Amino acid sequence: MLLFSIDSRNKVPIYQQILNQLIQLIEKNALKPGDRLPSTRNLASQYELNRNTVYKAYQELWSLGYIESMSGSYSIVRARKKTTIKKN
């Protein structure tokens, strides 16, 4: 079970709060490549959110390359390559 700190009074949209916290968990390796994320339905139910809010966060994670997902299936954390910037 993932634990989030959701603050509905915060000016940051709820989907963005979920997105930011998932990115932190992935980057800190608390969620590793291949780990399953809860379904959007389960996560929305757990936090009493609209499922579309969670779906939007997952869509952003997918577009940023953090997760893989297929329709009707679970979303999993994707292996990401570390990039370095060459200095001349």
PDB file of N, CA and C in Angstrom:
ATOM      1  N   MET A   1       0.837  -1.174   0.000  1.00  0.00           N
ATOM      2  CA  MET A   1       0.000   0.000   0.000  1.00  0.00           C
ATOM      3  C   MET A   1       0.886   1.243   0.000  1.00  0.00           C
ATOM      4  N   LEU A   2       0.577   2.161  -0.905  1.00  0.00           N
ATOM      5  CA  LEU A   2       1.312   3.413  -0.967  1.00  0.00           C
ATOM      6  C   LEU A   2       0.667   4.430  -0.041  1.00  0.00           C
ATOM      7  N   LEU A   3       1.499   5.172   0.654  1.00  0.00           N
ATOM      8  CA  LEU A   3       0.990   6.197   1.555  1.00  0.00           C
ATOM      9  C   LEU A   3       1.355   7.560   0.999  1.00  0.00           C
ATOM     10  N   PHE A   4       0.340   8.372   0.804  1.00  0.00           N
ATOM     11  CA  PHE A   4       0.527   9.707   0.283  1.00  0.00           C
ATOM     12  C   PHE A   4       0.043  10.723   1.294  1.00  0.00           C
ATOM     13  N   SER A   5       0.585  11.908   1.173  1.00  0.00           N
ATOM     14  CA  SER A   5       0.112  13.038   1.946  1.00  0.00           C
ATOM     15  C   SER A   5      -0.657  13.931   0.975  1.00  0.00           C
ATOM     16  N   ILE A   6      -1.975  13.835   1.019  1.00  0.00           N
ATOM     17  CA  ILE A   6      -2.838  14.602   0.127  1.00  0.00           C
ATOM     18  C   ILE A   6      -3.473  15.728   0.935  1.00  0.00           C
ATOM     19  N   ASP A   7      -3.300  16.947   0.456  1.00  0.00           N
ATOM     20  CA  ASP A   7      -3.867  18.101   1.141  1.00  0.00           C
ATOM     21  C   ASP A   7      -4.793  18.832   0.178  1.00  0.00           C
ATOM     22  N   SER A   8      -6.092  18.697   0.379  1.00  0.00           N
ATOM     23  CA  SER A   8      -7.067  19.312  -0.523  1.00  0.00           C
ATOM     24  C   SER A   8      -7.073  20.838  -0.410  1.00  0.00           C
ATOM     25  N   ARG A   9      -6.491  21.378   0.648  1.00  0.00           N
ATOM     26  CA  ARG A   9      -6.418  22.840   0.806  1.00  0.00           C
ATOM     27  C   ARG A   9      -5.199  23.429   0.118  1.00  0.00           C
ATOM     28  N   ASN A  10      -4.292  22.573  -0.298  1.00  0.00           N
ATOM     29  CA  ASN A  10      -3.075  23.002  -0.984  1.00  0.00           C
ATOM     30  C   ASN A  10      -3.433  23.561  -2.361  1.00  0.00           C
ATOM     31  N   LYS A  11      -2.722  24.572  -2.804  1.00  0.00           N
ATOM     32  CA  LYS A  11      -2.967  25.153  -4.126  1.00  0.00           C
ATOM     33  C   LYS A  11      -2.495  24.236  -5.253  1.00  0.00           C
ATOM     34  N   VAL A  12      -1.613  23.294  -4.915  1.00  0.00           N
ATOM     35  CA  VAL A  12      -1.139  22.321  -5.904  1.00  0.00           C
ATOM     36  C   VAL A  12      -2.271  21.321  -6.149  1.00  0.00           C
ATOM     37  N   PRO A  13      -2.655  21.114  -7.418  1.00  0.00           N
ATOM     38  CA  PRO A  13      -3.733  20.158  -7.700  1.00  0.00           C
ATOM     39  C   PRO A  13      -3.417  18.771  -7.135  1.00  0.00           C
ATOM     40  N   ILE A  14      -4.452  18.051  -6.760  1.00  0.00           N
ATOM     41  CA  ILE A  14      -4.267  16.730  -6.139  1.00  0.00           C
ATOM     42  C   ILE A  14      -3.531  15.772  -7.065  1.00  0.00           C
ATOM     43  N   TYR A  15      -3.859  15.775  -8.361  1.00  0.00           N
ATOM     44  CA  TYR A  15      -3.152  14.869  -9.268  1.00  0.00           C
ATOM     45  C   TYR A  15      -1.655  15.176  -9.265  1.00  0.00           C
ATOM     46  N   GLN A  16      -1.300  16.461  -9.159  1.00  0.00           N
ATOM     47  CA  GLN A  16       0.105  16.872  -9.144  1.00  0.00           C
ATOM     48  C   GLN A  16       0.778  16.438  -7.844  1.00  0.00           C
ATOM     49  N   GLN A  17       0.050  16.469  -6.731  1.00  0.00           N
ATOM     50  CA  GLN A  17       0.596  15.995  -5.459  1.00  0.00           C
ATOM     51  C   GLN A  17       0.916  14.506  -5.548  1.00  0.00           C
ATOM     52  N   ILE A  18      -0.002  13.742  -6.141  1.00  0.00           N
ATOM     53  CA  ILE A  18       0.226  12.295  -6.318  1.00  0.00           C
ATOM     54  C   ILE A  18       1.419  12.083  -7.243  1.00  0.00           C
ATOM     55  N   LEU A  19       1.441  12.786  -8.358  1.00  0.00           N
ATOM     56  CA  LEU A  19       2.527  12.677  -9.326  1.00  0.00           C
ATOM     57  C   LEU A  19       3.873  12.971  -8.681  1.00  0.00           C
ATOM     58  N   ASN A  20       3.968  14.080  -7.969  1.00  0.00           N
ATOM     59  CA  ASN A  20       5.229  14.466  -7.334  1.00  0.00           C
ATOM     60  C   ASN A  20       5.699  13.422  -6.327  1.00  0.00           C
ATOM     61  N   GLN A  21       4.770  12.890  -5.546  1.00  0.00           N
ATOM     62  CA  GLN A  21       5.156  11.912  -4.524  1.00  0.00           C
ATOM     63  C   GLN A  21       5.568  10.589  -5.156  1.00  0.00           C
ATOM     64  N   LEU A  22       4.904  10.184  -6.238  1.00  0.00           N
ATOM     65  CA  LEU A  22       5.313   8.953  -6.923  1.00  0.00           C
ATOM     66  C   LEU A  22       6.691   9.123  -7.563  1.00  0.00           C
ATOM     67  N   ILE A  23       6.952  10.273  -8.160  1.00  0.00           N
ATOM     68  CA  ILE A  23       8.270  10.522  -8.746  1.00  0.00           C
ATOM     69  C   ILE A  23       9.346  10.454  -7.664  1.00  0.00           C
ATOM     70  N   GLN A  24       9.080  11.037  -6.507  1.00  0.00           N
ATOM     71  CA  GLN A  24      10.052  10.969  -5.412  1.00  0.00           C
ATOM     72  C   GLN A  24      10.306   9.527  -4.997  1.00  0.00           C
ATOM     73  N   LEU A  25       9.247   8.728  -4.877  1.00  0.00           N
ATOM     74  CA  LEU A  25       9.404   7.326  -4.485  1.00  0.00           C
ATOM     75  C   LEU A  25      10.224   6.547  -5.519  1.00  0.00           C
ATOM     76  N   ILE A  26       9.995   6.838  -6.789  1.00  0.00           N
ATOM     77  CA  ILE A  26      10.741   6.153  -7.854  1.00  0.00           C
ATOM     78  C   ILE A  26      12.202   6.601  -7.860  1.00  0.00           C
ATOM     79  N   GLU A  27      12.422   7.895  -7.745  1.00  0.00           N
ATOM     80  CA  GLU A  27      13.798   8.398  -7.794  1.00  0.00           C
ATOM     81  C   GLU A  27      14.608   8.020  -6.558  1.00  0.00           C
ATOM     82  N   LYS A  28      13.943   7.823  -5.435  1.00  0.00           N
ATOM     83  CA  LYS A  28      14.641   7.382  -4.217  1.00  0.00           C
ATOM     84  C   LYS A  28      14.749   5.863  -4.147  1.00  0.00           C
ATOM     85  N   ASN A  29      14.259   5.187  -5.199  1.00  0.00           N
ATOM     86  CA  ASN A  29      14.306   3.739  -5.302  1.00  0.00           C
ATOM     87  C   ASN A  29      13.428   3.022  -4.285  1.00  0.00           C
ATOM     88  N   ALA A  30      12.464   3.732  -3.698  1.00  0.00           N
ATOM     89  CA  ALA A  30      11.486   3.082  -2.827  1.00  0.00           C
ATOM     90  C   ALA A  30      10.519   2.268  -3.690  1.00  0.00           C
ATOM     91  N   LEU A  31      10.298   2.727  -4.914  1.00  0.00           N
ATOM     92  CA  LEU A  31       9.590   1.949  -5.935  1.00  0.00           C
ATOM     93  C   LEU A  31      10.621   1.623  -6.996  1.00  0.00           C
ATOM     94  N   LYS A  32      10.801   0.336  -7.254  1.00  0.00           N
ATOM     95  CA  LYS A  32      11.846  -0.119  -8.162  1.00  0.00           C
ATOM     96  C   LYS A  32      11.246  -0.560  -9.498  1.00  0.00           C
ATOM     97  N   PRO A  33      12.075  -0.601 -10.542  1.00  0.00           N
ATOM     98  CA  PRO A  33      11.581  -1.090 -11.825  1.00  0.00           C
ATOM     99  C   PRO A  33      10.914  -2.458 -11.680  1.00  0.00           C
ATOM    100  N   GLY A  34       9.737  -2.566 -12.272  1.00  0.00           N
ATOM    101  CA  GLY A  34       8.960  -3.809 -12.193  1.00  0.00           C
ATOM    102  C   GLY A  34       7.918  -3.801 -11.088  1.00  0.00           C
ATOM    103  N   ASP A  35       8.034  -2.880 -10.126  1.00  0.00           N
ATOM    104  CA  ASP A  35       7.023  -2.793  -9.063  1.00  0.00           C
ATOM    105  C   ASP A  35       5.692  -2.354  -9.650  1.00  0.00           C
ATOM    106  N   ARG A  36       4.635  -2.991  -9.175  1.00  0.00           N
ATOM    107  CA  ARG A  36       3.285  -2.641  -9.612  1.00  0.00           C
ATOM    108  C   ARG A  36       2.741  -1.477  -8.805  1.00  0.00           C
ATOM    109  N   LEU A  37       2.081  -0.570  -9.489  1.00  0.00           N
ATOM    110  CA  LEU A  37       1.360   0.496  -8.812  1.00  0.00           C
ATOM    111  C   LEU A  37      -0.071   0.006  -8.574  1.00  0.00           C
ATOM    112  N   PRO A  38      -0.724   0.533  -7.554  1.00  0.00           N
ATOM    113  CA  PRO A  38      -2.122   0.159  -7.353  1.00  0.00           C
ATOM    114  C   PRO A  38      -2.953   0.607  -8.561  1.00  0.00           C
ATOM    115  N   SER A  39      -4.037  -0.066  -8.806  1.00  0.00           N
ATOM    116  CA  SER A  39      -4.902   0.361  -9.894  1.00  0.00           C
ATOM    117  C   SER A  39      -5.452   1.748  -9.580  1.00  0.00           C
ATOM    118  N   THR A  40      -5.823   2.467 -10.608  1.00  0.00           N
ATOM    119  CA  THR A  40      -6.385   3.803 -10.396  1.00  0.00           C
ATOM    120  C   THR A  40      -7.646   3.723  -9.537  1.00  0.00           C
ATOM    121  N   ARG A  41      -8.413   2.690  -9.743  1.00  0.00           N
ATOM    122  CA  ARG A  41      -9.655   2.503  -8.973  1.00  0.00           C
ATOM    123  C   ARG A  41      -9.346   2.289  -7.486  1.00  0.00           C
ATOM    124  N   ASN A  42      -8.377   1.435  -7.188  1.00  0.00           N
ATOM    125  CA  ASN A  42      -8.030   1.162  -5.786  1.00  0.00           C
ATOM    126  C   ASN A  42      -7.431   2.376  -5.093  1.00  0.00           C
ATOM    127  N   LEU A  43      -6.536   3.071  -5.783  1.00  0.00           N
ATOM    128  CA  LEU A  43      -5.906   4.247  -5.179  1.00  0.00           C
ATOM    129  C   LEU A  43      -6.938   5.357  -4.946  1.00  0.00           C
ATOM    130  N   ALA A  44      -7.816   5.555  -5.915  1.00  0.00           N
ATOM    131  CA  ALA A  44      -8.873   6.561  -5.755  1.00  0.00           C
ATOM    132  C   ALA A  44      -9.778   6.201  -4.585  1.00  0.00           C
ATOM    133  N   SER A  45     -10.114   4.949  -4.459  1.00  0.00           N
ATOM    134  CA  SER A  45     -10.971   4.492  -3.354  1.00  0.00           C
ATOM    135  C   SER A  45     -10.267   4.671  -2.012  1.00  0.00           C
ATOM    136  N   GLN A  46      -8.995   4.320  -1.951  1.00  0.00           N
ATOM    137  CA  GLN A  46      -8.220   4.416  -0.713  1.00  0.00           C
ATOM    138  C   GLN A  46      -8.189   5.846  -0.182  1.00  0.00           C
ATOM    139  N   TYR A  47      -8.081   6.825  -1.071  1.00  0.00           N
ATOM    140  CA  TYR A  47      -7.966   8.225  -0.654  1.00  0.00           C
ATOM    141  C   TYR A  47      -9.248   9.031  -0.886  1.00  0.00           C
ATOM    142  N   GLU A  48     -10.312   8.324  -1.246  1.00  0.00           N
ATOM    143  CA  GLU A  48     -11.615   8.953  -1.509  1.00  0.00           C
ATOM    144  C   GLU A  48     -11.482  10.080  -2.527  1.00  0.00           C
ATOM    145  N   LEU A  49     -10.856   9.737  -3.661  1.00  0.00           N
ATOM    146  CA  LEU A  49     -10.642  10.682  -4.749  1.00  0.00           C
ATOM    147  C   LEU A  49     -11.435  10.230  -5.968  1.00  0.00           C
ATOM    148  N   ASN A  50     -11.601  11.141  -6.896  1.00  0.00           N
ATOM    149  CA  ASN A  50     -12.182  10.784  -8.174  1.00  0.00           C
ATOM    150  C   ASN A  50     -11.140   9.978  -8.944  1.00  0.00           C
ATOM    151  N   ARG A  51     -11.574   8.900  -9.569  1.00  0.00           N
ATOM    152  CA  ARG A  51     -10.634   8.043 -10.296  1.00  0.00           C
ATOM    153  C   ARG A  51      -9.905   8.814 -11.395  1.00  0.00           C
ATOM    154  N   ASN A  52     -10.566   9.788 -12.016  1.00  0.00           N
ATOM    155  CA  ASN A  52      -9.919  10.578 -13.068  1.00  0.00           C
ATOM    156  C   ASN A  52      -8.721  11.357 -12.547  1.00  0.00           C
ATOM    157  N   THR A  53      -8.743  11.733 -11.279  1.00  0.00           N
ATOM    158  CA  THR A  53      -7.617  12.451 -10.665  1.00  0.00           C
ATOM    159  C   THR A  53      -6.384  11.554 -10.638  1.00  0.00           C
ATOM    160  N   VAL A  54      -6.563  10.325 -10.197  1.00  0.00           N
ATOM    161  CA  VAL A  54      -5.457   9.364 -10.145  1.00  0.00           C
ATOM    162  C   VAL A  54      -5.013   9.006 -11.564  1.00  0.00           C
ATOM    163  N   TYR A  55      -5.978   8.826 -12.449  1.00  0.00           N
ATOM    164  CA  TYR A  55      -5.668   8.493 -13.838  1.00  0.00           C
ATOM    165  C   TYR A  55      -4.792   9.576 -14.466  1.00  0.00           C
ATOM    166  N   LYS A  56      -5.101  10.831 -14.190  1.00  0.00           N
ATOM    167  CA  LYS A  56      -4.317  11.943 -14.738  1.00  0.00           C
ATOM    168  C   LYS A  56      -2.872  11.895 -14.233  1.00  0.00           C
ATOM    169  N   ALA A  57      -2.689  11.589 -12.952  1.00  0.00           N
ATOM    170  CA  ALA A  57      -1.340  11.463 -12.398  1.00  0.00           C
ATOM    171  C   ALA A  57      -0.585  10.323 -13.087  1.00  0.00           C
ATOM    172  N   TYR A  58      -1.250   9.183 -13.288  1.00  0.00           N
ATOM    173  CA  TYR A  58      -0.625   8.037 -13.948  1.00  0.00           C
ATOM    174  C   TYR A  58      -0.284   8.374 -15.400  1.00  0.00           C
ATOM    175  N   GLN A  59      -1.161   9.116 -16.080  1.00  0.00           N
ATOM    176  CA  GLN A  59      -0.892   9.507 -17.466  1.00  0.00           C
ATOM    177  C   GLN A  59       0.362  10.383 -17.543  1.00  0.00           C
ATOM    178  N   GLU A  60       0.507  11.286 -16.590  1.00  0.00           N
ATOM    179  CA  GLU A  60       1.700  12.139 -16.548  1.00  0.00           C
ATOM    180  C   GLU A  60       2.949  11.298 -16.292  1.00  0.00           C
ATOM    181  N   LEU A  61       2.854  10.342 -15.364  1.00  0.00           N
ATOM    182  CA  LEU A  61       3.994   9.453 -15.092  1.00  0.00           C
ATOM    183  C   LEU A  61       4.392   8.694 -16.347  1.00  0.00           C
ATOM    184  N   TRP A  62       3.384   8.226 -17.081  1.00  0.00           N
ATOM    185  CA  TRP A  62       3.648   7.495 -18.320  1.00  0.00           C
ATOM    186  C   TRP A  62       4.323   8.414 -19.339  1.00  0.00           C
ATOM    187  N   SER A  63       3.800   9.628 -19.497  1.00  0.00           N
ATOM    188  CA  SER A  63       4.354  10.536 -20.501  1.00  0.00           C
ATOM    189  C   SER A  63       5.778  10.969 -20.153  1.00  0.00           C
ATOM    190  N   LEU A  64       6.115  10.960 -18.866  1.00  0.00           N
ATOM    191  CA  LEU A  64       7.465  11.304 -18.427  1.00  0.00           C
ATOM    192  C   LEU A  64       8.407  10.096 -18.431  1.00  0.00           C
ATOM    193  N   GLY A  65       7.866   8.916 -18.749  1.00  0.00           N
ATOM    194  CA  GLY A  65       8.691   7.712 -18.849  1.00  0.00           C
ATOM    195  C   GLY A  65       8.933   6.984 -17.542  1.00  0.00           C
ATOM    196  N   TYR A  66       8.154   7.299 -16.508  1.00  0.00           N
ATOM    197  CA  TYR A  66       8.352   6.647 -15.216  1.00  0.00           C
ATOM    198  C   TYR A  66       7.632   5.302 -15.106  1.00  0.00           C
ATOM    199  N   ILE A  67       6.533   5.134 -15.843  1.00  0.00           N
ATOM    200  CA  ILE A  67       5.779   3.881 -15.740  1.00  0.00           C
ATOM    201  C   ILE A  67       5.404   3.369 -17.121  1.00  0.00           C
ATOM    202  N   GLU A  68       5.078   2.083 -17.151  1.00  0.00           N
ATOM    203  CA  GLU A  68       4.518   1.439 -18.331  1.00  0.00           C
ATOM    204  C   GLU A  68       3.131   0.978 -17.939  1.00  0.00           C
ATOM    205  N   SER A  69       2.191   1.083 -18.858  1.00  0.00           N
ATOM    206  CA  SER A  69       0.860   0.570 -18.566  1.00  0.00           C
ATOM    207  C   SER A  69       0.181   0.154 -19.856  1.00  0.00           C
ATOM    208  N   MET A  70      -0.719  -0.803 -19.691  1.00  0.00           N
ATOM    209  CA  MET A  70      -1.502  -1.289 -20.811  1.00  0.00           C
ATOM    210  C   MET A  70      -2.960  -1.268 -20.380  1.00  0.00           C
ATOM    211  N   SER A  71      -3.841  -1.009 -21.313  1.00  0.00           N
ATOM    212  CA  SER A  71      -5.266  -0.978 -20.991  1.00  0.00           C
ATOM    213  C   SER A  71      -5.693  -2.285 -20.343  1.00  0.00           C
ATOM    214  N   GLY A  72      -6.447  -2.173 -19.251  1.00  0.00           N
ATOM    215  CA  GLY A  72      -6.952  -3.353 -18.562  1.00  0.00           C
ATOM    216  C   GLY A  72      -5.904  -4.070 -17.738  1.00  0.00           C
ATOM    217  N   SER A  73      -4.732  -3.477 -17.581  1.00  0.00           N
ATOM    218  CA  SER A  73      -3.654  -4.120 -16.845  1.00  0.00           C
ATOM    219  C   SER A  73      -3.109  -3.146 -15.804  1.00  0.00           C
ATOM    220  N   TYR A  74      -2.200  -3.640 -14.994  1.00  0.00           N
ATOM    221  CA  TYR A  74      -1.574  -2.799 -13.992  1.00  0.00           C
ATOM    222  C   TYR A  74      -0.502  -1.914 -14.612  1.00  0.00           C
ATOM    223  N   SER A  75      -0.184  -0.857 -13.915  1.00  0.00           N
ATOM    224  CA  SER A  75       0.936  -0.010 -14.302  1.00  0.00           C
ATOM    225  C   SER A  75       2.134  -0.446 -13.480  1.00  0.00           C
ATOM    226  N   ILE A  76       3.288  -0.485 -14.121  1.00  0.00           N
ATOM    227  CA  ILE A  76       4.507  -0.879 -13.423  1.00  0.00           C
ATOM    228  C   ILE A  76       5.567   0.203 -13.601  1.00  0.00           C
ATOM    229  N   VAL A  77       6.456   0.266 -12.626  1.00  0.00           N
ATOM    230  CA  VAL A  77       7.558   1.214 -12.687  1.00  0.00           C
ATOM    231  C   VAL A  77       8.504   0.755 -13.786  1.00  0.00           C
ATOM    232  N   ARG A  78       8.912   1.692 -14.577  1.00  0.00           N
ATOM    233  CA  ARG A  78       9.767   1.412 -15.724  1.00  0.00           C
ATOM    234  C   ARG A  78      11.233   1.626 -15.351  1.00  0.00           C
ATOM    235  N   ALA A  79      12.101   0.796 -15.906  1.00  0.00           N
ATOM    236  CA  ALA A  79      13.550   0.998 -15.736  1.00  0.00           C
ATOM    237  C   ALA A  79      13.928   2.231 -16.527  1.00  0.00           C
ATOM    238  N   ARG A  80      14.635   3.125 -15.889  1.00  0.00           N
ATOM    239  CA  ARG A  80      15.043   4.374 -16.544  1.00  0.00           C
ATOM    240  C   ARG A  80      16.557   4.433 -16.606  1.00  0.00           C
ATOM    241  N   LYS A  81      17.051   4.951 -17.695  1.00  0.00           N
ATOM    242  CA  LYS A  81      18.494   5.106 -17.847  1.00  0.00           C
ATOM    243  C   LYS A  81      18.909   6.409 -17.192  1.00  0.00           C
ATOM    244  N   LYS A  82      20.009   6.347 -16.482  1.00  0.00           N
ATOM    245  CA  LYS A  82      20.594   7.562 -15.917  1.00  0.00           C
ATOM    246  C   LYS A  82      21.309   8.286 -17.048  1.00  0.00           C
ATOM    247  N   THR A  83      21.125   9.581 -17.108  1.00  0.00           N
ATOM    248  CA  THR A  83      21.806  10.361 -18.127  1.00  0.00           C
ATOM    249  C   THR A  83      22.796  11.297 -17.466  1.00  0.00           C
ATOM    250  N   THR A  84      23.875  11.510 -18.134  1.00  0.00           N
ATOM    251  CA  THR A  84      24.872  12.449 -17.643  1.00  0.00           C
ATOM    252  C   THR A  84      25.143  13.477 -18.723  1.00  0.00           C
ATOM    253  N   ILE A  85      25.528  14.633 -18.295  1.00  0.00           N
ATOM    254  CA  ILE A  85      25.840  15.707 -19.214  1.00  0.00           C
ATOM    255  C   ILE A  85      27.353  15.796 -19.344  1.00  0.00           C
ATOM    256  N   LYS A  86      27.832  15.729 -20.568  1.00  0.00           N
ATOM    257  CA  LYS A  86      29.274  15.839 -20.806  1.00  0.00           C
ATOM    258  C   LYS A  86      29.686  17.290 -20.699  1.00  0.00           C
ATOM    259  N   LYS A  87      30.766  17.512 -19.994  1.00  0.00           N
ATOM    260  CA  LYS A  87      31.324  18.863 -19.906  1.00  0.00           C
ATOM    261  C   LYS A  87      32.540  18.935 -20.801  1.00  0.00           C
ATOM    262  N   ASN A  88      32.641  19.977 -21.567  1.00  0.00           N
ATOM    263  CA  ASN A  88      33.795  20.144 -22.467  1.00  0.00           C
ATOM    264  C   ASN A  88      34.958  20.749 -21.775  1.00  0.00           C
TER     265      ASN A  88
END
